[in-house]
Amino acid sequence: MSAVKGHGFDMGIIKVRDLIFEYIRRDEEGNVEGITTAVDNVNLDINQGDFVAILGHNGSGKSTLAKHLNAILYPTEGTVWVDGKDTQKDEYLWDIRQTAGMVFQNPDNQIIGQVVEEDVGFGPENMGVPTKEIWERVEESLKAVGMYEFRHHSPNKLSGGQKQRVSIAGVIAMHPKCIILDEPTAMLDPKGRKEVIRAVRALNDVERITVILITHYMEEVIYADKVFVMDKGAVTLQGTPREVFSEVERLKELRLDVPQVTLLAHALRQEGFPMPKGILTKEEFREALDDCVKELF
């Protein structure tokens, strides 16, 4: 890992320090109505290979933060480094966008090719990658997201979950170290959501690509290494999924859902059952309930 000159610390893949982002609100005539602080003094450290989830209700600032991580937006105050490079320095922009690929909510906004394999090859072609290597990247990327058999299909004929996996393949083909997914499953049905999250987890587990997942679906984050919860532009909770989901009452205050099994275990604990905090899966719940029954009876 490279160290940032003059700062005396080693860099992870993403480092955010004292980030503030403000935007000016204007009326219909263009007159300034006020200033809104969308991101408020955020600090993050994300290491290569991490799977990080950023949670928050609508308007919490999570998507605005995401756009800083590959220099779509620039800080009003503070600094964002991507792989040791300051996002505010123009000379690094191309490198930063290659290092940190972005996947958005609506796959139709990212898919431009008439055939799946052409779409996935578009990014590497723009980067000047030799033709032979482009096709190698297309193949490996589509296989990584389980879409290789659809390589000759028209993207328009695919389901929402399949389209989103093609969008992710298009980013992977550019060989990023990090993928930022801004609510990638928001427009998908439950089956499509599972397909996309399974593909993302595989990329993280097998390829060791750093994943930053912005979402409001709690079930999508239980396998993350770290979770950051945002409210009013600030990080208000952070920790492992187990630590964060132990804070059931706090999450309710923040208008966030909690995984059903976590909620059920919490309700039983309130009724006097010795259930542990932060249960995340059905298997954990079943084991804890068996232990409870043995202890009580």
C-alpha atoms as a PDB file:
ATOM      1  CA  MET A   1       0.000   0.000   0.000  1.00  0.00           C
ATOM      2  CA  SER A   2       1.218   3.476  -0.794  1.00  0.00           C
ATOM      3  CA  ALA A   3       1.532   6.144   1.876  1.00  0.00           C
ATOM      4  CA  VAL A   4       0.230   9.637   1.307  1.00  0.00           C
ATOM      5  CA  LYS A   5       3.070  12.101   1.427  1.00  0.00           C
ATOM      6  CA  GLY A   6       3.162  14.224   4.515  1.00  0.00           C
ATOM      7  CA  HIS A   7       0.306  12.449   6.270  1.00  0.00           C
ATOM      8  CA  GLY A   8       2.260   9.685   7.958  1.00  0.00           C
ATOM      9  CA  PHE A   9      -0.255   6.853   7.477  1.00  0.00           C
ATOM     10  CA  ASP A  10      -0.688   3.914   5.145  1.00  0.00           C
ATOM     11  CA  MET A  11      -3.563   4.102   2.737  1.00  0.00           C
ATOM     12  CA  GLY A  12      -6.324   1.579   2.296  1.00  0.00           C
ATOM     13  CA  ILE A  13      -8.164   1.483  -1.012  1.00  0.00           C
ATOM     14  CA  ILE A  14     -10.522   4.269   0.191  1.00  0.00           C
ATOM     15  CA  LYS A  15      -9.786   6.851   2.869  1.00  0.00           C
ATOM     16  CA  VAL A  16     -12.202   9.667   3.678  1.00  0.00           C
ATOM     17  CA  ARG A  17     -11.251  12.426   6.090  1.00  0.00           C
ATOM     18  CA  ASP A  18     -13.588  15.120   7.493  1.00  0.00           C
ATOM     19  CA  LEU A  19     -15.723  15.050   4.333  1.00  0.00           C
ATOM     20  CA  ILE A  20     -18.369  17.757   4.040  1.00  0.00           C
ATOM     21  CA  PHE A  21     -20.471  18.254   0.921  1.00  0.00           C
ATOM     22  CA  GLU A  22     -22.888  21.153   0.600  1.00  0.00           C
ATOM     23  CA  TYR A  23     -25.168  22.045  -2.264  1.00  0.00           C
ATOM     24  CA  ILE A  24     -26.964  25.300  -2.944  1.00  0.00           C
ATOM     25  CA  ARG A  25     -30.752  25.216  -3.154  1.00  0.00           C
ATOM     26  CA  ARG A  26     -32.276  27.607  -5.693  1.00  0.00           C
ATOM     27  CA  ASP A  27     -35.835  28.673  -6.481  1.00  0.00           C
ATOM     28  CA  GLU A  28     -37.393  28.548  -9.983  1.00  0.00           C
ATOM     29  CA  GLU A  29     -35.796  31.888 -10.878  1.00  0.00           C
ATOM     30  CA  GLY A  30     -32.376  30.602  -9.881  1.00  0.00           C
ATOM     31  CA  ASN A  31     -32.112  32.675  -6.711  1.00  0.00           C
ATOM     32  CA  VAL A  32     -30.298  31.079  -3.765  1.00  0.00           C
ATOM     33  CA  GLU A  33     -32.729  29.760  -1.153  1.00  0.00           C
ATOM     34  CA  GLY A  34     -30.192  28.177   1.178  1.00  0.00           C
ATOM     35  CA  ILE A  35     -27.437  25.624   1.595  1.00  0.00           C
ATOM     36  CA  THR A  36     -28.001  21.956   2.431  1.00  0.00           C
ATOM     37  CA  THR A  37     -25.266  19.854   4.029  1.00  0.00           C
ATOM     38  CA  ALA A  38     -25.711  16.460   2.359  1.00  0.00           C
ATOM     39  CA  VAL A  39     -22.572  14.868   3.855  1.00  0.00           C
ATOM     40  CA  ASP A  40     -21.487  16.070   7.278  1.00  0.00           C
ATOM     41  CA  ASN A  41     -17.975  15.381   8.566  1.00  0.00           C
ATOM     42  CA  VAL A  42     -17.664  11.749   7.435  1.00  0.00           C
ATOM     43  CA  ASN A  43     -14.561   9.632   8.041  1.00  0.00           C
ATOM     44  CA  LEU A  44     -14.109   6.188   6.464  1.00  0.00           C
ATOM     45  CA  ASP A  45     -11.284   3.673   6.137  1.00  0.00           C
ATOM     46  CA  ILE A  46     -11.834   0.846   3.650  1.00  0.00           C
ATOM     47  CA  ASN A  47      -9.138  -1.749   2.962  1.00  0.00           C
ATOM     48  CA  GLN A  48      -8.505  -3.715  -0.217  1.00  0.00           C
ATOM     49  CA  GLY A  49     -10.747  -6.809  -0.219  1.00  0.00           C
ATOM     50  CA  ASP A  50     -13.296  -5.433   2.271  1.00  0.00           C
ATOM     51  CA  PHE A  51     -17.018  -5.862   1.756  1.00  0.00           C
ATOM     52  CA  VAL A  52     -18.523  -2.678   3.182  1.00  0.00           C
ATOM     53  CA  ALA A  53     -22.210  -1.791   3.392  1.00  0.00           C
ATOM     54  CA  ILE A  54     -23.504   1.756   3.808  1.00  0.00           C
ATOM     55  CA  LEU A  55     -27.075   1.971   5.090  1.00  0.00           C
ATOM     56  CA  GLY A  56     -29.504   4.808   5.542  1.00  0.00           C
ATOM     57  CA  HIS A  57     -33.032   5.902   4.741  1.00  0.00           C
ATOM     58  CA  ASN A  58     -33.745   8.092   1.718  1.00  0.00           C
ATOM     59  CA  GLY A  59     -32.071  11.479   2.113  1.00  0.00           C
ATOM     60  CA  SER A  60     -29.503  10.225   4.635  1.00  0.00           C
ATOM     61  CA  GLY A  61     -26.581  11.172   2.358  1.00  0.00           C
ATOM     62  CA  LYS A  62     -25.433   7.662   1.410  1.00  0.00           C
ATOM     63  CA  SER A  63     -25.730   8.117  -2.385  1.00  0.00           C
ATOM     64  CA  THR A  64     -24.046  11.535  -2.191  1.00  0.00           C
ATOM     65  CA  LEU A  65     -21.195   9.913  -0.276  1.00  0.00           C
ATOM     66  CA  ALA A  66     -20.974   7.134  -2.897  1.00  0.00           C
ATOM     67  CA  LYS A  67     -20.515   9.694  -5.677  1.00  0.00           C
ATOM     68  CA  HIS A  68     -17.433  11.040  -3.881  1.00  0.00           C
ATOM     69  CA  LEU A  69     -15.757   7.627  -3.957  1.00  0.00           C
ATOM     70  CA  ASN A  70     -15.089   7.740  -7.688  1.00  0.00           C
ATOM     71  CA  ALA A  71     -14.923  11.522  -8.117  1.00  0.00           C
ATOM     72  CA  ILE A  72     -18.385  12.155  -9.565  1.00  0.00           C
ATOM     73  CA  LEU A  73     -18.662  14.766  -6.792  1.00  0.00           C
ATOM     74  CA  TYR A  74     -15.865  16.696  -5.060  1.00  0.00           C
ATOM     75  CA  PRO A  75     -15.713  17.628  -1.350  1.00  0.00           C
ATOM     76  CA  THR A  76     -16.778  21.062  -0.179  1.00  0.00           C
ATOM     77  CA  GLU A  77     -14.368  20.422   2.704  1.00  0.00           C
ATOM     78  CA  GLY A  78     -12.173  17.458   3.635  1.00  0.00           C
ATOM     79  CA  THR A  79     -10.417  14.919   1.432  1.00  0.00           C
ATOM     80  CA  VAL A  80     -11.157  11.600  -0.295  1.00  0.00           C
ATOM     81  CA  TRP A  81      -8.291   9.350  -1.383  1.00  0.00           C
ATOM     82  CA  VAL A  82      -8.850   6.418  -3.767  1.00  0.00           C
ATOM     83  CA  ASP A  83      -5.862   4.059  -3.863  1.00  0.00           C
ATOM     84  CA  GLY A  84      -3.715   6.867  -2.449  1.00  0.00           C
ATOM     85  CA  LYS A  85      -4.885   9.487  -4.973  1.00  0.00           C
ATOM     86  CA  ASP A  86      -6.695  12.687  -3.980  1.00  0.00           C
ATOM     87  CA  THR A  87      -9.996  12.838  -5.908  1.00  0.00           C
ATOM     88  CA  GLN A  88      -9.760  16.626  -6.212  1.00  0.00           C
ATOM     89  CA  LYS A  89      -6.607  16.473  -8.358  1.00  0.00           C
ATOM     90  CA  ASP A  90      -7.552  16.469 -12.040  1.00  0.00           C
ATOM     91  CA  GLU A  91      -4.488  14.492 -13.092  1.00  0.00           C
ATOM     92  CA  TYR A  92      -5.745  11.473 -11.115  1.00  0.00           C
ATOM     93  CA  LEU A  93      -9.332  11.473 -12.414  1.00  0.00           C
ATOM     94  CA  TRP A  94      -8.868   8.781 -15.088  1.00  0.00           C
ATOM     95  CA  ASP A  95      -6.949   6.489 -12.689  1.00  0.00           C
ATOM     96  CA  ILE A  96      -9.566   6.950  -9.952  1.00  0.00           C
ATOM     97  CA  ARG A  97     -12.469   6.120 -12.281  1.00  0.00           C
ATOM     98  CA  GLN A  98     -10.636   2.962 -13.390  1.00  0.00           C
ATOM     99  CA  THR A  99      -9.786   1.959  -9.816  1.00  0.00           C
ATOM    100  CA  ALA A 100     -13.290   2.494  -8.415  1.00  0.00           C
ATOM    101  CA  GLY A 101     -16.067   1.409 -10.780  1.00  0.00           C
ATOM    102  CA  MET A 102     -19.640   2.542 -10.168  1.00  0.00           C
ATOM    103  CA  VAL A 103     -22.904   0.613 -10.616  1.00  0.00           C
ATOM    104  CA  PHE A 104     -26.155   2.571 -10.323  1.00  0.00           C
ATOM    105  CA  GLN A 105     -29.785   1.750  -9.482  1.00  0.00           C
ATOM    106  CA  ASN A 106     -31.119   1.527 -13.013  1.00  0.00           C
ATOM    107  CA  PRO A 107     -29.179  -0.869 -15.268  1.00  0.00           C
ATOM    108  CA  ASP A 108     -30.885   0.617 -18.351  1.00  0.00           C
ATOM    109  CA  ASN A 109     -28.861   3.802 -17.751  1.00  0.00           C
ATOM    110  CA  GLN A 110     -25.580   1.868 -17.992  1.00  0.00           C
ATOM    111  CA  ILE A 111     -26.272  -0.639 -20.759  1.00  0.00           C
ATOM    112  CA  ILE A 112     -25.565   0.805 -24.209  1.00  0.00           C
ATOM    113  CA  GLY A 113     -24.702  -2.208 -26.415  1.00  0.00           C
ATOM    114  CA  GLN A 114     -27.171  -4.117 -28.595  1.00  0.00           C
ATOM    115  CA  VAL A 115     -25.561  -7.440 -27.586  1.00  0.00           C
ATOM    116  CA  VAL A 116     -24.451  -8.388 -24.053  1.00  0.00           C
ATOM    117  CA  GLU A 117     -20.794  -9.125 -24.916  1.00  0.00           C
ATOM    118  CA  GLU A 118     -20.463  -5.850 -26.885  1.00  0.00           C
ATOM    119  CA  ASP A 119     -21.811  -3.905 -23.924  1.00  0.00           C
ATOM    120  CA  VAL A 120     -19.369  -5.525 -21.492  1.00  0.00           C
ATOM    121  CA  GLY A 121     -16.466  -4.865 -23.888  1.00  0.00           C
ATOM    122  CA  PHE A 122     -17.299  -1.172 -24.287  1.00  0.00           C
ATOM    123  CA  GLY A 123     -15.316   0.037 -21.240  1.00  0.00           C
ATOM    124  CA  PRO A 124     -12.072  -1.838 -21.998  1.00  0.00           C
ATOM    125  CA  GLU A 125     -12.300  -0.761 -25.654  1.00  0.00           C
ATOM    126  CA  ASN A 126     -12.496   2.895 -24.568  1.00  0.00           C
ATOM    127  CA  MET A 127      -9.460   2.303 -22.359  1.00  0.00           C
ATOM    128  CA  GLY A 128      -7.476   1.175 -25.405  1.00  0.00           C
ATOM    129  CA  VAL A 129      -7.181  -2.460 -24.316  1.00  0.00           C
ATOM    130  CA  PRO A 130      -6.024  -4.700 -27.233  1.00  0.00           C
ATOM    131  CA  THR A 131      -8.855  -6.589 -28.976  1.00  0.00           C
ATOM    132  CA  LYS A 132      -7.703 -10.075 -27.904  1.00  0.00           C
ATOM    133  CA  GLU A 133      -7.551  -8.986 -24.258  1.00  0.00           C
ATOM    134  CA  ILE A 134     -10.982  -7.284 -24.497  1.00  0.00           C
ATOM    135  CA  TRP A 135     -12.600 -10.618 -25.418  1.00  0.00           C
ATOM    136  CA  GLU A 136     -10.710 -12.364 -22.615  1.00  0.00           C
ATOM    137  CA  ARG A 137     -11.984  -9.755 -20.148  1.00  0.00           C
ATOM    138  CA  VAL A 138     -15.539 -10.017 -21.504  1.00  0.00           C
ATOM    139  CA  GLU A 139     -15.493 -13.770 -21.017  1.00  0.00           C
ATOM    140  CA  GLU A 140     -14.047 -13.695 -17.488  1.00  0.00           C
ATOM    141  CA  SER A 141     -16.395 -10.869 -16.399  1.00  0.00           C
ATOM    142  CA  LEU A 142     -19.548 -12.541 -17.680  1.00  0.00           C
ATOM    143  CA  LYS A 143     -18.510 -15.826 -16.086  1.00  0.00           C
ATOM    144  CA  ALA A 144     -17.842 -14.021 -12.785  1.00  0.00           C
ATOM    145  CA  VAL A 145     -21.473 -12.824 -12.621  1.00  0.00           C
ATOM    146  CA  GLY A 146     -23.001 -16.008 -14.074  1.00  0.00           C
ATOM    147  CA  MET A 147     -24.073 -14.400 -17.378  1.00  0.00           C
ATOM    148  CA  TYR A 148     -21.689 -16.008 -19.905  1.00  0.00           C
ATOM    149  CA  GLU A 149     -24.430 -18.125 -21.515  1.00  0.00           C
ATOM    150  CA  PHE A 150     -26.302 -14.887 -22.334  1.00  0.00           C
ATOM    151  CA  ARG A 151     -23.339 -13.281 -24.139  1.00  0.00           C
ATOM    152  CA  HIS A 152     -25.091 -13.250 -27.551  1.00  0.00           C
ATOM    153  CA  HIS A 153     -28.455 -12.050 -26.184  1.00  0.00           C
ATOM    154  CA  SER A 154     -29.911  -8.564 -26.516  1.00  0.00           C
ATOM    155  CA  PRO A 155     -29.825  -6.805 -23.098  1.00  0.00           C
ATOM    156  CA  ASN A 156     -33.413  -5.628 -23.744  1.00  0.00           C
ATOM    157  CA  LYS A 157     -34.626  -9.245 -23.526  1.00  0.00           C
ATOM    158  CA  LEU A 158     -33.094  -9.829 -20.079  1.00  0.00           C
ATOM    159  CA  SER A 159     -34.786  -9.603 -16.668  1.00  0.00           C
ATOM    160  CA  GLY A 160     -33.924  -6.731 -14.313  1.00  0.00           C
ATOM    161  CA  GLY A 161     -31.574  -8.905 -12.244  1.00  0.00           C
ATOM    162  CA  GLN A 162     -29.813 -10.184 -15.366  1.00  0.00           C
ATOM    163  CA  LYS A 163     -29.392  -6.636 -16.728  1.00  0.00           C
ATOM    164  CA  GLN A 164     -27.871  -5.496 -13.450  1.00  0.00           C
ATOM    165  CA  ARG A 165     -25.418  -8.417 -13.530  1.00  0.00           C
ATOM    166  CA  VAL A 166     -24.416  -7.355 -17.069  1.00  0.00           C
ATOM    167  CA  SER A 167     -23.848  -3.799 -15.747  1.00  0.00           C
ATOM    168  CA  ILE A 168     -21.602  -5.225 -13.024  1.00  0.00           C
ATOM    169  CA  ALA A 169     -19.736  -7.340 -15.624  1.00  0.00           C
ATOM    170  CA  GLY A 170     -19.126  -4.163 -17.648  1.00  0.00           C
ATOM    171  CA  VAL A 171     -17.454  -2.587 -14.618  1.00  0.00           C
ATOM    172  CA  ILE A 172     -15.449  -5.748 -13.794  1.00  0.00           C
ATOM    173  CA  ALA A 173     -14.111  -5.863 -17.378  1.00  0.00           C
ATOM    174  CA  MET A 174     -12.293  -2.596 -16.644  1.00  0.00           C
ATOM    175  CA  HIS A 175     -10.377  -4.464 -13.908  1.00  0.00           C
ATOM    176  CA  PRO A 176     -11.194  -2.124 -11.000  1.00  0.00           C
ATOM    177  CA  LYS A 177      -9.825  -2.759  -7.518  1.00  0.00           C
ATOM    178  CA  CYS A 178     -13.102  -1.549  -6.045  1.00  0.00           C
ATOM    179  CA  ILE A 179     -16.761  -1.587  -7.082  1.00  0.00           C
ATOM    180  CA  ILE A 180     -19.251   0.905  -5.622  1.00  0.00           C
ATOM    181  CA  LEU A 181     -22.860  -0.217  -5.986  1.00  0.00           C
ATOM    182  CA  ASP A 182     -25.394   2.542  -5.373  1.00  0.00           C
ATOM    183  CA  GLU A 183     -28.642   0.757  -4.463  1.00  0.00           C
ATOM    184  CA  PRO A 184     -28.139  -1.780  -7.285  1.00  0.00           C
ATOM    185  CA  THR A 185     -31.198  -3.831  -6.295  1.00  0.00           C
ATOM    186  CA  ALA A 186     -33.660  -0.980  -5.639  1.00  0.00           C
ATOM    187  CA  MET A 187     -35.579  -1.599  -8.896  1.00  0.00           C
ATOM    188  CA  LEU A 188     -35.458  -5.413  -8.770  1.00  0.00           C
ATOM    189  CA  ASP A 189     -37.828  -8.100  -7.534  1.00  0.00           C
ATOM    190  CA  PRO A 190     -36.667 -10.439  -4.689  1.00  0.00           C
ATOM    191  CA  LYS A 191     -35.278 -13.037  -7.149  1.00  0.00           C
ATOM    192  CA  GLY A 192     -33.288 -10.361  -9.025  1.00  0.00           C
ATOM    193  CA  ARG A 193     -32.005  -8.952  -5.732  1.00  0.00           C
ATOM    194  CA  LYS A 194     -30.693 -12.371  -4.661  1.00  0.00           C
ATOM    195  CA  GLU A 195     -28.998 -12.912  -8.056  1.00  0.00           C
ATOM    196  CA  VAL A 196     -27.171  -9.592  -7.886  1.00  0.00           C
ATOM    197  CA  ILE A 197     -26.075  -9.906  -4.245  1.00  0.00           C
ATOM    198  CA  ARG A 198     -24.874 -13.488  -4.860  1.00  0.00           C
ATOM    199  CA  ALA A 199     -22.774 -12.231  -7.803  1.00  0.00           C
ATOM    200  CA  VAL A 200     -21.368  -9.353  -5.749  1.00  0.00           C
ATOM    201  CA  ARG A 201     -20.448 -11.625  -2.839  1.00  0.00           C
ATOM    202  CA  ALA A 202     -18.675 -14.015  -5.229  1.00  0.00           C
ATOM    203  CA  LEU A 203     -16.612 -11.157  -6.680  1.00  0.00           C
ATOM    204  CA  ASN A 204     -15.557 -10.193  -3.176  1.00  0.00           C
ATOM    205  CA  ASP A 205     -14.858 -13.771  -1.995  1.00  0.00           C
ATOM    206  CA  VAL A 206     -13.157 -15.127  -5.119  1.00  0.00           C
ATOM    207  CA  GLU A 207     -11.660 -12.096  -6.914  1.00  0.00           C
ATOM    208  CA  ARG A 208     -11.014 -10.103  -3.701  1.00  0.00           C
ATOM    209  CA  ILE A 209     -12.516  -7.010  -5.306  1.00  0.00           C
ATOM    210  CA  THR A 210     -13.384  -4.407  -2.686  1.00  0.00           C
ATOM    211  CA  VAL A 211     -17.158  -3.961  -2.591  1.00  0.00           C
ATOM    212  CA  ILE A 212     -18.954  -0.894  -1.271  1.00  0.00           C
ATOM    213  CA  LEU A 213     -22.676  -1.582  -1.247  1.00  0.00           C
ATOM    214  CA  ILE A 214     -25.124   1.282  -0.702  1.00  0.00           C
ATOM    215  CA  THR A 215     -28.529  -0.145   0.210  1.00  0.00           C
ATOM    216  CA  HIS A 216     -31.566   0.043   2.452  1.00  0.00           C
ATOM    217  CA  TYR A 217     -32.253  -3.706   2.332  1.00  0.00           C
ATOM    218  CA  MET A 218     -30.963  -5.096   5.613  1.00  0.00           C
ATOM    219  CA  GLU A 219     -30.745  -8.706   4.415  1.00  0.00           C
ATOM    220  CA  GLU A 220     -28.141  -7.650   1.826  1.00  0.00           C
ATOM    221  CA  VAL A 221     -25.590  -6.559   4.412  1.00  0.00           C
ATOM    222  CA  ILE A 222     -25.408  -9.476   6.844  1.00  0.00           C
ATOM    223  CA  TYR A 223     -22.291 -10.855   5.097  1.00  0.00           C
ATOM    224  CA  ALA A 224     -20.440  -7.509   5.027  1.00  0.00           C
ATOM    225  CA  ASP A 225     -17.174  -6.997   6.917  1.00  0.00           C
ATOM    226  CA  LYS A 226     -18.153  -3.498   8.046  1.00  0.00           C
ATOM    227  CA  VAL A 227     -21.413  -1.562   8.128  1.00  0.00           C
ATOM    228  CA  PHE A 228     -21.775   2.219   8.265  1.00  0.00           C
ATOM    229  CA  VAL A 229     -25.230   3.659   9.030  1.00  0.00           C
ATOM    230  CA  MET A 230     -25.905   7.222   7.884  1.00  0.00           C
ATOM    231  CA  ASP A 231     -28.441   9.755   9.086  1.00  0.00           C
ATOM    232  CA  LYS A 232     -28.656  13.469   8.206  1.00  0.00           C
ATOM    233  CA  GLY A 233     -25.383  13.227   6.261  1.00  0.00           C
ATOM    234  CA  ALA A 234     -23.360  11.799   9.153  1.00  0.00           C
ATOM    235  CA  VAL A 235     -22.229   8.287  10.122  1.00  0.00           C
ATOM    236  CA  THR A 236     -24.297   7.533  13.195  1.00  0.00           C
ATOM    237  CA  LEU A 237     -23.518   3.819  13.711  1.00  0.00           C
ATOM    238  CA  GLN A 238     -20.673   1.629  12.530  1.00  0.00           C
ATOM    239  CA  GLY A 239     -19.332  -1.846  13.209  1.00  0.00           C
ATOM    240  CA  THR A 240     -19.738  -5.428  12.081  1.00  0.00           C
ATOM    241  CA  PRO A 241     -23.247  -6.482  10.958  1.00  0.00           C
ATOM    242  CA  ARG A 242     -23.696  -8.238  14.307  1.00  0.00           C
ATOM    243  CA  GLU A 243     -22.720  -5.123  16.269  1.00  0.00           C
ATOM    244  CA  VAL A 244     -24.929  -2.830  14.183  1.00  0.00           C
ATOM    245  CA  PHE A 245     -27.983  -5.117  14.195  1.00  0.00           C
ATOM    246  CA  SER A 246     -27.686  -5.512  17.968  1.00  0.00           C
ATOM    247  CA  GLU A 247     -28.884  -1.882  18.098  1.00  0.00           C
ATOM    248  CA  VAL A 248     -32.493  -2.744  17.177  1.00  0.00           C
ATOM    249  CA  GLU A 249     -34.129   0.221  18.931  1.00  0.00           C
ATOM    250  CA  ARG A 250     -31.618   2.692  17.469  1.00  0.00           C
ATOM    251  CA  LEU A 251     -32.186   1.339  13.953  1.00  0.00           C
ATOM    252  CA  LYS A 252     -35.944   1.720  14.431  1.00  0.00           C
ATOM    253  CA  GLU A 253     -35.377   5.359  15.462  1.00  0.00           C
ATOM    254  CA  LEU A 254     -33.451   5.820  12.212  1.00  0.00           C
ATOM    255  CA  ARG A 255     -36.458   4.416  10.285  1.00  0.00           C
ATOM    256  CA  LEU A 256     -34.495   1.396   9.123  1.00  0.00           C
ATOM    257  CA  ASP A 257     -35.762  -2.156   8.958  1.00  0.00           C
ATOM    258  CA  VAL A 258     -34.023  -4.966  10.781  1.00  0.00           C
ATOM    259  CA  PRO A 259     -33.715  -8.552   9.428  1.00  0.00           C
ATOM    260  CA  GLN A 260     -36.785 -10.537  10.470  1.00  0.00           C
ATOM    261  CA  VAL A 261     -34.831 -13.134  12.472  1.00  0.00           C
ATOM    262  CA  THR A 262     -32.963 -10.359  14.314  1.00  0.00           C
ATOM    263  CA  LEU A 263     -36.269  -8.694  15.161  1.00  0.00           C
ATOM    264  CA  LEU A 264     -37.834 -11.958  16.364  1.00  0.00           C
ATOM    265  CA  ALA A 265     -34.820 -12.765  18.568  1.00  0.00           C
ATOM    266  CA  HIS A 266     -34.977  -9.224  19.982  1.00  0.00           C
ATOM    267  CA  ALA A 267     -38.693  -9.613  20.774  1.00  0.00           C
ATOM    268  CA  LEU A 268     -38.049 -12.953  22.540  1.00  0.00           C
ATOM    269  CA  ARG A 269     -35.192 -11.417  24.547  1.00  0.00           C
ATOM    270  CA  GLN A 270     -37.537  -8.643  25.690  1.00  0.00           C
ATOM    271  CA  GLU A 271     -39.934 -11.342  26.882  1.00  0.00           C
ATOM    272  CA  GLY A 272     -37.200 -12.834  29.056  1.00  0.00           C
ATOM    273  CA  PHE A 273     -35.764 -15.510  26.762  1.00  0.00           C
ATOM    274  CA  PRO A 274     -31.930 -15.678  26.967  1.00  0.00           C
ATOM    275  CA  MET A 275     -31.423 -15.039  23.238  1.00  0.00           C
ATOM    276  CA  PRO A 276     -28.085 -13.466  22.198  1.00  0.00           C
ATOM    277  CA  LYS A 277     -27.975 -10.050  20.549  1.00  0.00           C
ATOM    278  CA  GLY A 278     -27.320  -9.570  16.840  1.00  0.00           C
ATOM    279  CA  ILE A 279     -28.673 -12.838  15.422  1.00  0.00           C
ATOM    280  CA  LEU A 280     -28.438 -12.520  11.622  1.00  0.00           C
ATOM    281  CA  THR A 281     -29.520 -15.785   9.990  1.00  0.00           C
ATOM    282  CA  LYS A 282     -32.243 -18.409  10.354  1.00  0.00           C
ATOM    283  CA  GLU A 283     -29.584 -20.996  11.236  1.00  0.00           C
ATOM    284  CA  GLU A 284     -28.262 -18.845  14.094  1.00  0.00           C
ATOM    285  CA  PHE A 285     -31.802 -18.251  15.298  1.00  0.00           C
ATOM    286  CA  ARG A 286     -32.593 -21.969  15.269  1.00  0.00           C
ATOM    287  CA  GLU A 287     -29.432 -22.812  17.242  1.00  0.00           C
ATOM    288  CA  ALA A 288     -30.048 -20.027  19.770  1.00  0.00           C
ATOM    289  CA  LEU A 289     -33.656 -21.135  20.240  1.00  0.00           C
ATOM    290  CA  ASP A 290     -32.555 -24.759  20.803  1.00  0.00           C
ATOM    291  CA  ASP A 291     -30.059 -23.549  23.440  1.00  0.00           C
ATOM    292  CA  CYS A 292     -32.825 -21.441  25.032  1.00  0.00           C
ATOM    293  CA  VAL A 293     -35.180 -24.393  25.276  1.00  0.00           C
ATOM    294  CA  LYS A 294     -32.453 -26.563  26.859  1.00  0.00           C
ATOM    295  CA  GLU A 295     -31.588 -23.814  29.342  1.00  0.00           C
ATOM    296  CA  LEU A 296     -35.205 -23.132  30.322  1.00  0.00           C
ATOM    297  CA  PHE A 297     -36.492 -26.694  30.411  1.00  0.00           C
END
